[in-house]
N, C-alpha and C. Protein backbone atom coordinates (compact mmCIF):
# COMPACT_ATOMS: atom_id res chain seq x y z
N MET A 1 130.68 150.20 104.53
CA MET A 1 130.59 149.00 103.96
C MET A 1 130.12 147.89 104.71
N LYS A 2 130.35 147.88 106.03
CA LYS A 2 129.78 146.77 106.69
C LYS A 2 128.23 146.94 106.92
N ILE A 3 127.76 147.92 106.77
CA ILE A 3 126.16 148.28 106.73
C ILE A 3 125.70 147.39 105.37
N ILE A 4 126.28 147.64 104.36
CA ILE A 4 125.98 147.11 103.05
C ILE A 4 125.88 145.33 103.25
N TYR A 5 126.92 144.87 103.72
CA TYR A 5 127.31 143.58 104.17
C TYR A 5 126.10 142.92 104.99
N THR A 6 125.85 143.77 105.96
CA THR A 6 124.96 143.52 107.04
C THR A 6 123.54 143.42 106.23
N VAL A 7 123.22 144.38 105.44
CA VAL A 7 121.77 144.32 104.84
C VAL A 7 121.62 143.29 103.75
N ILE A 8 122.85 143.00 102.98
CA ILE A 8 122.91 141.76 102.03
C ILE A 8 122.45 140.48 102.78
N ALA A 9 123.22 140.26 103.98
CA ALA A 9 123.16 139.09 104.70
C ALA A 9 121.70 138.99 105.28
N ILE A 10 120.98 140.05 105.83
CA ILE A 10 119.94 140.10 106.17
C ILE A 10 118.69 139.61 105.15
N ILE A 11 118.98 140.22 103.80
CA ILE A 11 118.18 139.85 102.85
C ILE A 11 118.27 138.46 102.41
N LEU A 12 119.48 137.88 102.36
CA LEU A 12 119.59 136.53 101.97
C LEU A 12 119.01 135.54 103.02
N MET A 13 119.19 135.71 104.29
CA MET A 13 118.57 135.15 105.28
C MET A 13 117.16 135.04 105.24
N ALA A 14 116.55 136.18 105.16
CA ALA A 14 115.00 136.24 104.84
C ALA A 14 114.54 135.59 103.59
N ALA A 15 115.24 135.69 102.59
CA ALA A 15 114.62 134.93 101.36
C ALA A 15 115.03 133.53 101.61
N SER A 16 116.04 132.82 102.18
CA SER A 16 116.01 131.41 102.35
C SER A 16 115.03 130.86 103.35
N THR A 17 114.63 131.67 104.32
CA THR A 17 113.65 131.28 105.16
C THR A 17 112.32 131.36 104.69
N ALA A 18 111.96 132.41 103.69
CA ALA A 18 110.67 132.56 103.10
C ALA A 18 110.63 131.22 101.96
N SER A 19 111.73 131.09 101.39
CA SER A 19 111.69 129.83 100.38
C SER A 19 111.38 128.42 101.26
N ALA A 20 112.05 128.39 102.36
CA ALA A 20 112.07 127.00 103.10
C ALA A 20 110.54 126.88 103.63
N GLN A 21 109.78 127.98 103.70
CA GLN A 21 108.44 127.92 104.55
C GLN A 21 107.57 127.61 103.05
N ILE A 22 107.73 128.19 101.93
CA ILE A 22 106.90 127.77 100.75
C ILE A 22 106.87 126.51 100.41
N GLY A 23 108.16 125.87 100.12
CA GLY A 23 108.50 124.40 99.70
C GLY A 23 108.02 124.47 98.33
N LEU A 24 107.67 123.20 97.68
CA LEU A 24 107.66 123.05 96.18
C LEU A 24 106.24 123.23 95.85
N GLY A 25 105.10 123.17 97.07
CA GLY A 25 103.83 123.29 96.56
C GLY A 25 103.30 121.86 96.25
N LEU A 26 103.88 120.77 96.44
CA LEU A 26 103.48 119.57 96.34
C LEU A 26 102.80 118.96 97.70
N ASN A 27 101.77 118.04 97.58
CA ASN A 27 101.44 117.46 98.78
C ASN A 27 101.20 115.97 98.43
N LEU A 28 101.58 115.05 99.26
CA LEU A 28 101.55 113.66 99.25
C LEU A 28 100.61 113.28 100.22
N SER A 29 99.46 112.61 99.94
CA SER A 29 98.36 112.13 100.67
C SER A 29 98.35 110.53 100.72
N ALA A 30 98.16 109.89 101.76
CA ALA A 30 97.87 108.54 101.78
C ALA A 30 96.60 108.31 102.91
N GLY A 31 95.96 107.35 102.55
CA GLY A 31 94.88 107.02 103.74
C GLY A 31 94.13 105.88 103.34
N GLY A 32 93.11 105.66 104.19
CA GLY A 32 92.08 104.43 104.15
C GLY A 32 90.96 104.44 104.96
N GLY A 33 90.04 103.40 104.74
CA GLY A 33 89.24 103.26 105.68
C GLY A 33 88.09 102.63 105.18
N LEU A 34 86.72 102.68 105.51
CA LEU A 34 85.77 102.01 105.09
C LEU A 34 84.98 102.55 103.60
N SER A 35 84.44 101.45 102.95
CA SER A 35 83.78 101.85 101.55
C SER A 35 82.40 101.31 101.74
N LEU A 36 81.27 102.13 101.79
CA LEU A 36 79.98 101.85 101.93
C LEU A 36 79.55 101.64 100.63
N PRO A 37 78.89 100.41 100.18
CA PRO A 37 78.27 100.22 99.06
C PRO A 37 76.83 100.91 98.99
N VAL A 38 76.51 101.54 97.99
CA VAL A 38 75.18 102.16 97.90
C VAL A 38 74.46 101.79 96.49
N SER A 39 73.27 102.21 96.41
CA SER A 39 72.35 101.96 95.07
C SER A 39 72.47 100.49 94.70
N ASP A 40 72.89 100.15 93.39
CA ASP A 40 72.98 98.68 93.15
C ASP A 40 73.92 97.89 93.72
N LEU A 41 75.12 98.61 94.12
CA LEU A 41 76.12 97.78 94.68
C LEU A 41 75.71 97.24 96.15
N SER A 42 74.89 97.90 96.88
CA SER A 42 74.47 97.57 98.36
C SER A 42 73.80 96.24 98.30
N GLY A 43 72.96 95.75 97.23
CA GLY A 43 72.37 94.70 97.28
C GLY A 43 73.06 93.31 97.46
N ASN A 44 74.19 93.20 96.81
CA ASN A 44 75.00 92.12 96.78
C ASN A 44 76.32 92.01 97.58
N TRP A 45 76.79 93.33 98.01
CA TRP A 45 77.97 93.51 98.64
C TRP A 45 78.04 93.90 99.99
N LYS A 46 78.94 93.55 100.90
CA LYS A 46 79.14 94.11 102.23
C LYS A 46 79.97 95.22 102.32
N THR A 47 79.91 96.18 103.47
CA THR A 47 80.71 97.14 103.57
C THR A 47 82.29 96.59 103.44
N GLY A 48 82.75 97.49 102.59
CA GLY A 48 84.37 97.10 102.18
C GLY A 48 85.35 98.03 102.98
N TYR A 49 86.56 97.92 102.46
CA TYR A 49 87.44 98.72 102.83
C TYR A 49 88.27 99.39 101.61
N HIS A 50 89.14 100.41 101.76
CA HIS A 50 89.85 101.04 100.63
C HIS A 50 91.01 101.69 101.24
N GLY A 51 91.92 101.70 100.16
CA GLY A 51 93.30 102.68 100.38
C GLY A 51 93.29 103.61 99.35
N MET A 52 93.83 104.64 99.59
CA MET A 52 94.19 105.69 98.48
C MET A 52 95.30 106.41 98.47
N ALA A 53 95.96 106.94 97.64
CA ALA A 53 97.07 107.83 97.31
C ALA A 53 96.85 108.99 96.51
N ALA A 54 97.52 110.19 96.69
CA ALA A 54 97.41 111.31 95.98
C ALA A 54 98.46 112.01 95.95
N ILE A 55 98.81 112.75 94.80
CA ILE A 55 99.67 113.87 94.68
C ILE A 55 98.94 115.18 94.43
N SER A 56 98.97 116.17 95.13
CA SER A 56 98.23 117.26 94.74
C SER A 56 99.23 118.48 94.71
N PHE A 57 98.80 119.58 93.98
CA PHE A 57 99.55 120.77 93.76
C PHE A 57 98.76 121.98 94.48
N SER A 58 99.55 122.48 95.53
CA SER A 58 98.83 123.55 96.29
C SER A 58 99.47 124.94 96.11
N ARG A 59 99.88 125.28 94.85
CA ARG A 59 100.30 126.61 94.39
C ARG A 59 99.07 127.59 94.16
N ILE A 60 97.93 127.15 93.69
CA ILE A 60 96.79 127.98 93.52
C ILE A 60 96.14 128.38 94.67
N PRO A 61 95.90 129.49 95.20
CA PRO A 61 95.15 130.03 96.44
C PRO A 61 93.91 129.33 96.46
N GLN A 62 93.44 128.60 97.62
CA GLN A 62 92.15 128.19 97.81
C GLN A 62 91.63 126.95 96.95
N MET A 63 92.65 126.61 96.07
CA MET A 63 92.29 125.43 95.27
C MET A 63 93.39 124.36 95.14
N GLU A 64 93.18 123.21 95.05
CA GLU A 64 94.27 122.08 95.11
C GLU A 64 93.95 120.96 94.12
N PRO A 65 94.43 121.04 92.81
CA PRO A 65 94.15 119.92 91.95
C PRO A 65 95.10 118.90 92.50
N ALA A 66 94.52 117.46 92.25
CA ALA A 66 95.25 116.31 92.53
C ALA A 66 95.02 115.18 91.66
N VAL A 67 96.16 114.35 91.61
CA VAL A 67 96.11 112.99 90.79
C VAL A 67 95.84 111.95 91.80
N ARG A 68 94.75 111.28 91.58
CA ARG A 68 94.46 110.26 92.76
C ARG A 68 94.32 108.68 92.23
N TYR A 69 94.71 107.84 93.09
CA TYR A 69 94.36 106.41 92.90
C TYR A 69 93.74 105.86 94.25
N ALA A 70 92.71 104.99 93.92
CA ALA A 70 92.03 104.39 95.16
C ALA A 70 91.81 102.96 94.71
N TYR A 71 91.80 102.08 95.75
CA TYR A 71 91.52 100.55 95.63
C TYR A 71 90.56 100.24 96.64
N HIS A 72 89.32 99.76 96.29
CA HIS A 72 88.40 99.35 96.98
C HIS A 72 88.17 97.80 96.90
N ARG A 73 87.65 97.20 98.00
CA ARG A 73 87.34 95.77 97.99
C ARG A 73 86.13 95.37 98.81
N PHE A 74 85.36 94.67 98.06
CA PHE A 74 83.97 94.42 98.89
C PHE A 74 83.83 92.71 98.94
N ALA A 75 83.36 92.10 100.01
CA ALA A 75 82.90 90.82 99.94
C ALA A 75 81.67 90.61 99.83
N ALA A 76 81.20 89.50 98.99
CA ALA A 76 79.91 89.13 98.61
C ALA A 76 79.10 88.96 100.09
N LYS A 77 77.93 89.35 99.97
CA LYS A 77 77.05 89.05 101.27
C LYS A 77 76.51 87.74 101.41
N ASN A 78 76.35 86.86 100.31
CA ASN A 78 75.98 85.54 100.49
C ASN A 78 77.05 84.45 99.86
N ASP A 79 78.37 84.80 100.28
CA ASP A 79 79.35 83.91 99.71
C ASP A 79 79.37 82.69 100.26
N ALA A 80 79.01 82.57 101.44
CA ALA A 80 79.28 81.29 102.06
C ALA A 80 80.53 80.68 102.13
N GLY A 81 81.50 81.56 102.43
CA GLY A 81 82.94 81.17 102.46
C GLY A 81 83.61 81.01 101.04
N SER A 82 82.88 81.28 100.10
CA SER A 82 83.71 81.01 98.62
C SER A 82 84.64 81.96 98.23
N GLY A 83 84.79 83.12 99.00
CA GLY A 83 85.87 84.10 98.67
C GLY A 83 85.49 84.97 97.47
N THR A 84 84.35 85.07 97.40
CA THR A 84 84.03 85.99 96.16
C THR A 84 84.03 87.47 96.58
N HIS A 85 84.81 88.29 95.75
CA HIS A 85 84.86 89.74 96.16
C HIS A 85 84.77 90.47 94.87
N LEU A 86 84.54 91.59 95.22
CA LEU A 86 84.49 92.79 94.04
C LEU A 86 85.66 93.74 94.23
N THR A 87 86.72 94.08 93.53
CA THR A 87 87.46 95.10 93.74
C THR A 87 87.41 96.18 92.55
N ILE A 88 87.54 97.31 93.04
CA ILE A 88 87.33 98.49 92.34
C ILE A 88 88.62 99.38 92.46
N GLN A 89 89.44 99.71 91.11
CA GLN A 89 90.50 100.67 91.18
C GLN A 89 90.11 101.88 90.46
N GLU A 90 90.36 102.98 91.04
CA GLU A 90 90.19 104.29 90.55
C GLU A 90 91.25 105.05 90.10
N TYR A 91 91.61 105.63 89.01
CA TYR A 91 92.51 106.42 88.54
C TYR A 91 91.97 107.84 88.06
N GLY A 92 92.16 108.91 88.80
CA GLY A 92 91.42 110.05 88.72
C GLY A 92 91.88 111.44 88.93
N LEU A 93 91.28 112.58 88.73
CA LEU A 93 91.76 113.85 89.02
C LEU A 93 90.67 114.30 89.99
N ASP A 94 91.29 115.05 91.10
CA ASP A 94 90.45 115.80 92.05
C ASP A 94 90.71 117.19 92.05
N LEU A 95 89.59 117.91 92.48
CA LEU A 95 89.85 119.39 92.77
C LEU A 95 89.29 119.73 94.25
N LYS A 96 90.15 119.94 95.13
CA LYS A 96 89.76 120.48 96.39
C LYS A 96 89.60 122.03 96.48
N VAL A 97 88.31 122.52 97.11
CA VAL A 97 88.26 123.84 97.06
C VAL A 97 88.29 124.20 98.58
N LYS A 98 89.39 124.93 99.10
CA LYS A 98 89.59 125.05 100.59
C LYS A 98 88.35 126.02 101.09
N LEU A 99 87.75 125.83 102.06
CA LEU A 99 86.59 126.73 102.46
C LEU A 99 86.90 127.61 103.64
N SER A 100 88.11 127.83 103.96
CA SER A 100 88.58 128.56 104.98
C SER A 100 89.88 129.42 104.72
N PRO A 101 89.97 130.63 105.28
CA PRO A 101 91.33 131.41 104.81
C PRO A 101 92.47 130.54 105.23
N PRO A 102 93.60 130.85 104.52
CA PRO A 102 94.86 130.34 104.76
C PRO A 102 95.42 130.58 106.17
N GLY A 103 96.18 129.55 106.80
CA GLY A 103 96.78 129.91 107.94
C GLY A 103 96.02 129.32 109.21
N LEU A 104 94.83 128.82 109.08
CA LEU A 104 94.34 128.26 110.06
C LEU A 104 94.67 126.70 110.37
N GLY A 105 94.47 126.04 111.57
CA GLY A 105 95.09 124.90 111.94
C GLY A 105 93.93 123.77 111.43
N VAL A 106 92.69 124.11 111.49
CA VAL A 106 91.71 123.24 110.88
C VAL A 106 91.01 124.05 109.55
N LYS A 107 91.17 123.09 108.51
CA LYS A 107 90.81 123.49 107.26
C LYS A 107 89.87 122.66 106.61
N PRO A 108 88.62 122.90 106.60
CA PRO A 108 87.59 122.41 105.76
C PRO A 108 87.66 122.53 104.11
N TYR A 109 87.16 121.45 103.51
CA TYR A 109 87.41 121.63 102.08
C TYR A 109 86.08 120.86 101.31
N ALA A 110 85.78 121.25 100.16
CA ALA A 110 84.85 120.45 99.28
C ALA A 110 85.82 119.89 98.11
N LEU A 111 85.10 118.97 97.48
CA LEU A 111 85.96 118.21 96.40
C LEU A 111 85.08 117.67 95.38
N VAL A 112 85.61 117.80 94.19
CA VAL A 112 84.95 117.13 92.98
C VAL A 112 86.09 116.16 92.25
N GLY A 113 85.49 115.19 91.58
CA GLY A 113 86.67 114.31 90.96
C GLY A 113 86.02 113.67 89.84
N ALA A 114 86.91 113.14 88.89
CA ALA A 114 86.38 112.22 87.91
C ALA A 114 87.68 111.57 87.19
N GLY A 115 87.44 110.28 86.55
CA GLY A 115 88.44 109.40 86.26
C GLY A 115 87.59 108.37 85.49
N ALA A 116 88.72 107.34 85.72
CA ALA A 116 88.51 105.83 85.13
C ALA A 116 88.42 104.99 86.32
N ALA A 117 87.40 103.99 86.39
CA ALA A 117 87.29 102.99 87.43
C ALA A 117 87.30 101.66 86.74
N LYS A 118 88.17 100.75 87.12
CA LYS A 118 88.21 99.32 86.72
C LYS A 118 87.89 98.51 87.73
N ALA A 119 86.82 97.63 87.45
CA ALA A 119 85.99 96.82 88.43
C ALA A 119 86.39 95.21 88.08
N LYS A 120 86.58 94.45 88.99
CA LYS A 120 86.71 92.96 88.75
C LYS A 120 85.95 92.28 89.88
N LEU A 121 85.29 91.19 89.33
CA LEU A 121 84.69 90.24 90.17
C LEU A 121 85.25 89.01 90.29
N SER A 122 85.76 88.51 91.45
CA SER A 122 86.74 87.24 91.47
C SER A 122 86.35 86.44 92.59
N ASP A 123 87.00 85.47 92.70
CA ASP A 123 86.93 84.61 93.87
C ASP A 123 88.34 84.02 94.20
N ASP A 124 88.46 83.54 95.31
CA ASP A 124 89.65 82.93 95.83
C ASP A 124 90.07 81.79 95.13
N SER A 125 89.33 81.00 94.37
CA SER A 125 89.71 79.59 93.63
C SER A 125 90.57 80.28 92.36
N SER A 126 90.98 79.84 91.55
CA SER A 126 92.03 80.54 90.39
C SER A 126 90.94 81.29 89.44
N SER A 127 89.88 81.47 89.39
CA SER A 127 89.14 82.10 88.34
C SER A 127 88.86 83.60 88.71
N THR A 128 89.16 84.35 87.58
CA THR A 128 88.80 85.80 87.63
C THR A 128 87.95 86.19 86.62
N ILE A 129 86.87 86.69 86.94
CA ILE A 129 85.91 87.07 85.73
C ILE A 129 85.90 88.66 85.67
N SER A 130 85.83 89.13 84.61
CA SER A 130 85.76 90.79 84.37
C SER A 130 84.19 91.04 84.59
N PHE A 131 84.33 91.87 85.63
CA PHE A 131 82.90 92.42 86.11
C PHE A 131 82.37 93.49 85.13
N SER A 132 83.03 94.55 84.85
CA SER A 132 82.63 95.69 84.10
C SER A 132 83.63 96.41 83.29
N GLY A 133 84.79 95.92 83.42
CA GLY A 133 85.93 96.68 82.69
C GLY A 133 86.16 97.89 83.37
N THR A 134 86.76 98.89 82.37
CA THR A 134 87.08 100.22 82.81
C THR A 134 85.89 101.25 82.23
N LYS A 135 85.61 101.95 83.19
CA LYS A 135 84.39 102.69 83.20
C LYS A 135 84.68 104.19 83.70
N PHE A 136 83.86 104.95 83.21
CA PHE A 136 83.83 106.61 83.73
C PHE A 136 83.19 106.69 85.19
N TYR A 137 84.10 107.29 86.23
CA TYR A 137 83.48 107.53 87.45
C TYR A 137 83.41 109.23 87.77
N TYR A 138 82.45 109.66 88.49
CA TYR A 138 82.67 110.98 89.23
C TYR A 138 82.48 110.88 90.62
N ALA A 139 83.02 111.94 91.36
CA ALA A 139 82.78 111.77 92.83
C ALA A 139 82.78 113.49 93.25
N PHE A 140 82.15 113.47 94.34
CA PHE A 140 82.08 114.55 95.05
C PHE A 140 82.02 114.28 96.63
N GLY A 141 82.36 115.37 97.44
CA GLY A 141 82.38 115.27 98.80
C GLY A 141 82.96 116.44 99.62
N GLY A 142 83.63 116.11 100.76
CA GLY A 142 84.23 116.98 101.51
C GLY A 142 85.17 116.38 102.54
N GLY A 143 85.91 117.22 103.18
CA GLY A 143 86.89 116.75 104.34
C GLY A 143 87.26 117.93 105.14
N ILE A 144 88.11 117.45 106.28
CA ILE A 144 88.75 118.42 107.13
C ILE A 144 90.18 118.05 106.97
N LEU A 145 91.12 118.89 106.97
CA LEU A 145 92.46 118.89 107.24
C LEU A 145 92.78 119.39 108.63
N ILE A 146 93.55 118.76 109.37
CA ILE A 146 93.97 119.32 110.71
C ILE A 146 95.48 119.30 110.85
N GLY A 147 96.08 120.47 110.96
CA GLY A 147 97.50 120.59 111.19
C GLY A 147 98.02 119.81 112.35
N LEU A 148 99.02 119.09 112.21
CA LEU A 148 99.74 118.38 113.39
C LEU A 148 101.12 119.07 113.50
N ILE A 149 101.87 119.08 112.56
CA ILE A 149 103.07 119.83 112.78
C ILE A 149 103.28 120.43 111.38
N PRO A 150 104.19 121.49 111.16
CA PRO A 150 104.31 122.19 110.05
C PRO A 150 104.49 121.26 108.75
N ARG A 151 103.71 121.30 107.63
CA ARG A 151 103.59 120.59 106.72
C ARG A 151 103.25 119.17 106.71
N VAL A 152 102.53 118.57 107.78
CA VAL A 152 101.98 117.50 108.09
C VAL A 152 100.68 117.54 108.62
N ASP A 153 99.69 117.24 107.86
CA ASP A 153 98.19 117.34 108.21
C ASP A 153 97.47 115.85 108.53
N PHE A 154 96.60 115.77 109.26
CA PHE A 154 95.89 114.56 109.52
C PHE A 154 94.49 115.05 108.67
N PHE A 155 93.85 114.14 107.84
CA PHE A 155 92.78 114.46 107.15
C PHE A 155 91.70 113.25 107.45
N THR A 156 90.71 113.76 107.29
CA THR A 156 89.25 112.77 107.20
C THR A 156 88.29 113.46 106.17
N GLU A 157 87.97 112.48 105.36
CA GLU A 157 87.18 112.83 104.13
C GLU A 157 85.86 111.92 103.91
N ILE A 158 85.06 112.30 103.31
CA ILE A 158 83.96 111.36 102.74
C ILE A 158 83.47 111.83 101.43
N ARG A 159 83.35 110.99 100.51
CA ARG A 159 83.01 111.32 99.30
C ARG A 159 81.86 110.44 98.77
N TYR A 160 81.07 110.82 97.78
CA TYR A 160 80.26 109.82 97.05
C TYR A 160 80.69 109.59 95.71
N THR A 161 80.94 108.34 95.45
CA THR A 161 81.63 107.87 94.07
C THR A 161 80.63 107.27 93.23
N ARG A 162 80.37 107.62 91.99
CA ARG A 162 79.32 106.83 91.07
C ARG A 162 80.01 106.52 89.92
N ILE A 163 79.93 105.13 89.67
CA ILE A 163 80.71 104.63 88.39
C ILE A 163 79.71 104.19 87.38
N SER A 164 79.66 104.65 86.10
CA SER A 164 78.73 104.22 84.96
C SER A 164 79.12 102.78 84.63
N VAL A 165 78.08 102.04 84.49
CA VAL A 165 78.15 100.69 84.07
C VAL A 165 77.13 100.28 82.94
N SER A 166 77.18 99.50 82.06
CA SER A 166 76.44 99.17 80.98
C SER A 166 74.96 99.02 81.45
N SER A 167 74.62 98.66 82.72
CA SER A 167 73.16 98.46 83.13
C SER A 167 72.82 99.68 84.00
N GLY A 168 73.50 100.81 84.07
CA GLY A 168 73.24 101.96 84.67
C GLY A 168 74.38 102.70 85.36
N SER A 169 74.43 102.53 86.81
CA SER A 169 75.54 102.94 87.60
C SER A 169 75.47 102.38 88.95
N VAL A 170 76.58 102.13 89.61
CA VAL A 170 76.96 101.60 90.89
C VAL A 170 77.63 102.82 91.72
N GLY A 171 77.38 102.60 93.02
CA GLY A 171 78.10 103.90 93.75
C GLY A 171 78.78 103.23 95.15
N CYS A 172 79.52 103.93 95.74
CA CYS A 172 80.13 103.69 97.09
C CYS A 172 80.30 104.93 97.74
N VAL A 173 80.51 104.91 99.05
CA VAL A 173 80.76 106.12 99.94
C VAL A 173 81.89 105.72 100.71
N PRO A 174 83.29 106.23 100.23
CA PRO A 174 84.41 105.93 100.96
C PRO A 174 84.43 107.14 102.19
N ILE A 175 84.88 106.43 103.33
CA ILE A 175 85.02 107.21 104.44
C ILE A 175 86.67 107.22 104.77
N THR A 176 87.37 108.06 104.69
CA THR A 176 88.90 108.11 104.57
C THR A 176 89.42 108.73 105.71
N VAL A 177 90.52 108.25 106.32
CA VAL A 177 91.43 109.04 107.27
C VAL A 177 92.77 108.76 106.68
N GLY A 178 93.53 109.76 106.92
CA GLY A 178 94.99 109.68 106.50
C GLY A 178 95.83 110.92 106.74
N LEU A 179 97.21 110.70 106.22
CA LEU A 179 98.09 111.84 106.32
C LEU A 179 98.30 112.74 105.11
N ASN A 180 98.64 113.93 105.21
CA ASN A 180 98.77 114.77 104.03
C ASN A 180 100.28 115.21 104.32
N LEU A 181 101.30 115.12 103.42
CA LEU A 181 102.66 115.64 103.85
C LEU A 181 102.94 116.65 102.58
N GLY A 182 103.25 117.93 103.22
CA GLY A 182 103.66 118.87 102.26
C GLY A 182 105.12 118.92 101.74
N ILE A 183 105.45 119.15 100.56
CA ILE A 183 106.99 119.02 100.14
C ILE A 183 107.57 120.39 99.85
């Protein structure tokens, strides 16, 4: 009888340890960095900054779908102190494809994404002018996750984002550093 209880105790401890290592399969990411204006955007706007947050689902081997939000801000090149700036908010879905086998400390990945982008042109006096409204965007790029401690990764990522507007399209290249927390 003692042997049966011992075997049951070992099985229960192994199962609880395995479930603690697996977690819920959710990752919370937050980061920020530089936003480089490209194409039509680069003519009138300086290098800006951005912040982003995402919730991703890591239950699918080698793939990680995510819901993502990003905020970009660019100052005008020739504003002469007027405070004119362009803000872009992105609401979208990303898919990360992991390019290394599971279990490595350094994990490169490729990504694609799409969603809605809302742009506003404004100045610091009280007027805000709608620049282009809400438009479709797509993005692609890649990054590297570096494991710090279990369930906590540092990441760096670069992506190309293209926003469709009535006169064509505008783009930016955000370079992001941040933390990824596994739940």
